[in-house]
Amino acid sequence: MSQTVSTERPTYPNVQKLVVLAGIAAAILAAFAAALVIAAPARAASVDTNFDICGALRGGTSLATIETSLEARGYSATKAGTLTGNTIRQLCPEQAAPVMAQVS
């Protein structure tokens, strides 16, 4: 009694469809991520960075006015506060006491 051996590989159409769909989904996600990455620098570049926070504080400008000015230039309220706080801490620490007096 002789048996015949098939040399054809079995096909798995459902697995192949899933692989194709996963590839399409990955391509769509990659395109979306690339669009976000490309859009982010354009938004960041539109923010006016020619604003001297320390100079404004030394000139007597209030903290509220500085943060409002930063918001008008494109910063969110949170980022304006973070930028102001970090700038004072690093570049003009002598202004920390007057600013804290304005806050409290």
C-alpha atoms as a PDB file:
ATOM      1  CA  MET A   1       0.000   0.000   0.000  1.00  0.00           C
ATOM      2  CA  SER A   2       1.553   3.283  -1.002  1.00  0.00           C
ATOM      3  CA  GLN A   3       0.750   6.716   0.336  1.00  0.00           C
ATOM      4  CA  THR A   4       1.155   9.940  -1.546  1.00  0.00           C
ATOM      5  CA  VAL A   5       2.824  12.827   0.176  1.00  0.00           C
ATOM      6  CA  SER A   6       1.686  16.314  -0.686  1.00  0.00           C
ATOM      7  CA  THR A   7       4.440  18.853  -1.234  1.00  0.00           C
ATOM      8  CA  GLU A   8       2.078  21.851  -1.098  1.00  0.00           C
ATOM      9  CA  ARG A   9       2.243  24.073   1.931  1.00  0.00           C
ATOM     10  CA  PRO A  10      -1.026  24.573   3.753  1.00  0.00           C
ATOM     11  CA  THR A  11      -2.525  28.045   3.447  1.00  0.00           C
ATOM     12  CA  TYR A  12      -4.043  29.993   6.261  1.00  0.00           C
ATOM     13  CA  PRO A  13      -6.196  32.693   4.658  1.00  0.00           C
ATOM     14  CA  ASN A  14      -7.429  34.144   7.954  1.00  0.00           C
ATOM     15  CA  VAL A  15      -3.902  34.577   9.300  1.00  0.00           C
ATOM     16  CA  GLN A  16      -2.769  36.140   6.052  1.00  0.00           C
ATOM     17  CA  LYS A  17      -5.686  38.594   6.156  1.00  0.00           C
ATOM     18  CA  LEU A  18      -4.817  39.525   9.737  1.00  0.00           C
ATOM     19  CA  VAL A  19      -1.199  40.142   8.793  1.00  0.00           C
ATOM     20  CA  VAL A  20      -2.266  42.405   5.922  1.00  0.00           C
ATOM     21  CA  LEU A  21      -4.736  44.290   8.142  1.00  0.00           C
ATOM     22  CA  ALA A  22      -2.114  44.703  10.871  1.00  0.00           C
ATOM     23  CA  GLY A  23       0.305  46.115   8.299  1.00  0.00           C
ATOM     24  CA  ILE A  24      -2.296  48.584   7.052  1.00  0.00           C
ATOM     25  CA  ALA A  25      -3.149  49.638  10.609  1.00  0.00           C
ATOM     26  CA  ALA A  26       0.548  50.129  11.406  1.00  0.00           C
ATOM     27  CA  ALA A  27       0.996  52.266   8.289  1.00  0.00           C
ATOM     28  CA  ILE A  28      -1.998  54.427   9.218  1.00  0.00           C
ATOM     29  CA  LEU A  29      -0.705  54.897  12.772  1.00  0.00           C
ATOM     30  CA  ALA A  30       2.763  55.750  11.491  1.00  0.00           C
ATOM     31  CA  ALA A  31       1.310  58.353   9.110  1.00  0.00           C
ATOM     32  CA  PHE A  32      -0.748  59.872  11.930  1.00  0.00           C
ATOM     33  CA  ALA A  33       2.270  60.001  14.251  1.00  0.00           C
ATOM     34  CA  ALA A  34       4.375  61.587  11.522  1.00  0.00           C
ATOM     35  CA  ALA A  35       1.705  64.240  10.972  1.00  0.00           C
ATOM     36  CA  LEU A  36       1.784  65.083  14.685  1.00  0.00           C
ATOM     37  CA  VAL A  37       5.569  65.272  14.766  1.00  0.00           C
ATOM     38  CA  ILE A  38       5.668  67.509  11.722  1.00  0.00           C
ATOM     39  CA  ALA A  39       2.926  69.782  13.099  1.00  0.00           C
ATOM     40  CA  ALA A  40       4.552  70.196  16.545  1.00  0.00           C
ATOM     41  CA  PRO A  41       7.651  72.142  15.426  1.00  0.00           C
ATOM     42  CA  ALA A  42       5.514  74.451  13.323  1.00  0.00           C
ATOM     43  CA  ARG A  43       3.413  75.303  16.368  1.00  0.00           C
ATOM     44  CA  ALA A  44       6.460  75.727  18.595  1.00  0.00           C
ATOM     45  CA  ALA A  45       8.146  77.955  16.042  1.00  0.00           C
ATOM     46  CA  SER A  46       5.170  80.309  16.015  1.00  0.00           C
ATOM     47  CA  VAL A  47       5.687  81.234  19.688  1.00  0.00           C
ATOM     48  CA  ASP A  48       7.504  84.545  20.080  1.00  0.00           C
ATOM     49  CA  THR A  49      10.592  83.861  22.192  1.00  0.00           C
ATOM     50  CA  ASN A  50      11.884  87.445  22.219  1.00  0.00           C
ATOM     51  CA  PHE A  51      10.540  88.241  25.663  1.00  0.00           C
ATOM     52  CA  ASP A  52      12.902  89.010  28.540  1.00  0.00           C
ATOM     53  CA  ILE A  53      11.157  87.766  31.683  1.00  0.00           C
ATOM     54  CA  CYS A  54      13.960  88.848  34.023  1.00  0.00           C
ATOM     55  CA  GLY A  55      14.172  92.273  32.392  1.00  0.00           C
ATOM     56  CA  ALA A  56      10.427  92.724  32.743  1.00  0.00           C
ATOM     57  CA  LEU A  57      10.511  91.731  36.427  1.00  0.00           C
ATOM     58  CA  ARG A  58      13.461  94.015  37.108  1.00  0.00           C
ATOM     59  CA  GLY A  59      11.567  96.815  35.371  1.00  0.00           C
ATOM     60  CA  GLY A  60       8.616  96.388  37.738  1.00  0.00           C
ATOM     61  CA  THR A  61       6.222  94.428  35.525  1.00  0.00           C
ATOM     62  CA  SER A  62       3.855  92.258  37.547  1.00  0.00           C
ATOM     63  CA  LEU A  63       3.937  88.474  37.349  1.00  0.00           C
ATOM     64  CA  ALA A  64       0.328  88.417  36.133  1.00  0.00           C
ATOM     65  CA  THR A  65       1.170  90.791  33.274  1.00  0.00           C
ATOM     66  CA  ILE A  66       4.176  88.683  32.262  1.00  0.00           C
ATOM     67  CA  GLU A  67       2.174  85.449  32.227  1.00  0.00           C
ATOM     68  CA  THR A  68      -0.675  87.114  30.313  1.00  0.00           C
ATOM     69  CA  SER A  69       1.848  88.354  27.773  1.00  0.00           C
ATOM     70  CA  LEU A  70       3.281  84.840  27.377  1.00  0.00           C
ATOM     71  CA  GLU A  71      -0.214  83.410  26.904  1.00  0.00           C
ATOM     72  CA  ALA A  72      -0.899  86.033  24.229  1.00  0.00           C
ATOM     73  CA  ARG A  73       2.286  84.866  22.473  1.00  0.00           C
ATOM     74  CA  GLY A  74       1.001  81.276  22.244  1.00  0.00           C
ATOM     75  CA  TYR A  75       1.921  79.597  25.523  1.00  0.00           C
ATOM     76  CA  SER A  76      -0.723  77.775  27.547  1.00  0.00           C
ATOM     77  CA  ALA A  77      -1.290  79.071  31.089  1.00  0.00           C
ATOM     78  CA  THR A  78       0.520  76.054  32.532  1.00  0.00           C
ATOM     79  CA  LYS A  79       3.526  76.447  30.240  1.00  0.00           C
ATOM     80  CA  ALA A  80       3.663  80.203  30.852  1.00  0.00           C
ATOM     81  CA  GLY A  81       3.774  79.561  34.609  1.00  0.00           C
ATOM     82  CA  THR A  82       6.402  76.853  34.231  1.00  0.00           C
ATOM     83  CA  LEU A  83       8.540  79.022  31.961  1.00  0.00           C
ATOM     84  CA  THR A  84       8.293  81.995  34.313  1.00  0.00           C
ATOM     85  CA  GLY A  85       9.105  79.909  37.390  1.00  0.00           C
ATOM     86  CA  ASN A  86      12.070  78.174  35.783  1.00  0.00           C
ATOM     87  CA  THR A  87      13.411  81.440  34.366  1.00  0.00           C
ATOM     88  CA  ILE A  88      13.254  83.151  37.740  1.00  0.00           C
ATOM     89  CA  ARG A  89      14.884  80.195  39.485  1.00  0.00           C
ATOM     90  CA  GLN A  90      17.727  79.879  36.977  1.00  0.00           C
ATOM     91  CA  LEU A  91      18.343  83.338  35.494  1.00  0.00           C
ATOM     92  CA  CYS A  92      17.158  85.912  38.014  1.00  0.00           C
ATOM     93  CA  PRO A  93      16.881  84.335  41.460  1.00  0.00           C
ATOM     94  CA  GLU A  94      17.007  87.815  43.042  1.00  0.00           C
ATOM     95  CA  GLN A  95      13.460  88.271  41.718  1.00  0.00           C
ATOM     96  CA  ALA A  96      12.073  85.240  43.579  1.00  0.00           C
ATOM     97  CA  ALA A  97      11.197  87.160  46.774  1.00  0.00           C
ATOM     98  CA  PRO A  98       9.342  89.986  44.977  1.00  0.00           C
ATOM     99  CA  VAL A  99       7.448  87.464  42.848  1.00  0.00           C
ATOM    100  CA  MET A 100       6.495  85.380  45.878  1.00  0.00           C
ATOM    101  CA  ALA A 101       5.186  88.570  47.535  1.00  0.00           C
ATOM    102  CA  GLN A 102       2.923  89.075  44.507  1.00  0.00           C
ATOM    103  CA  VAL A 103       1.631  85.502  44.663  1.00  0.00           C
ATOM    104  CA  SER A 104       0.786  85.435  48.378  1.00  0.00           C
END
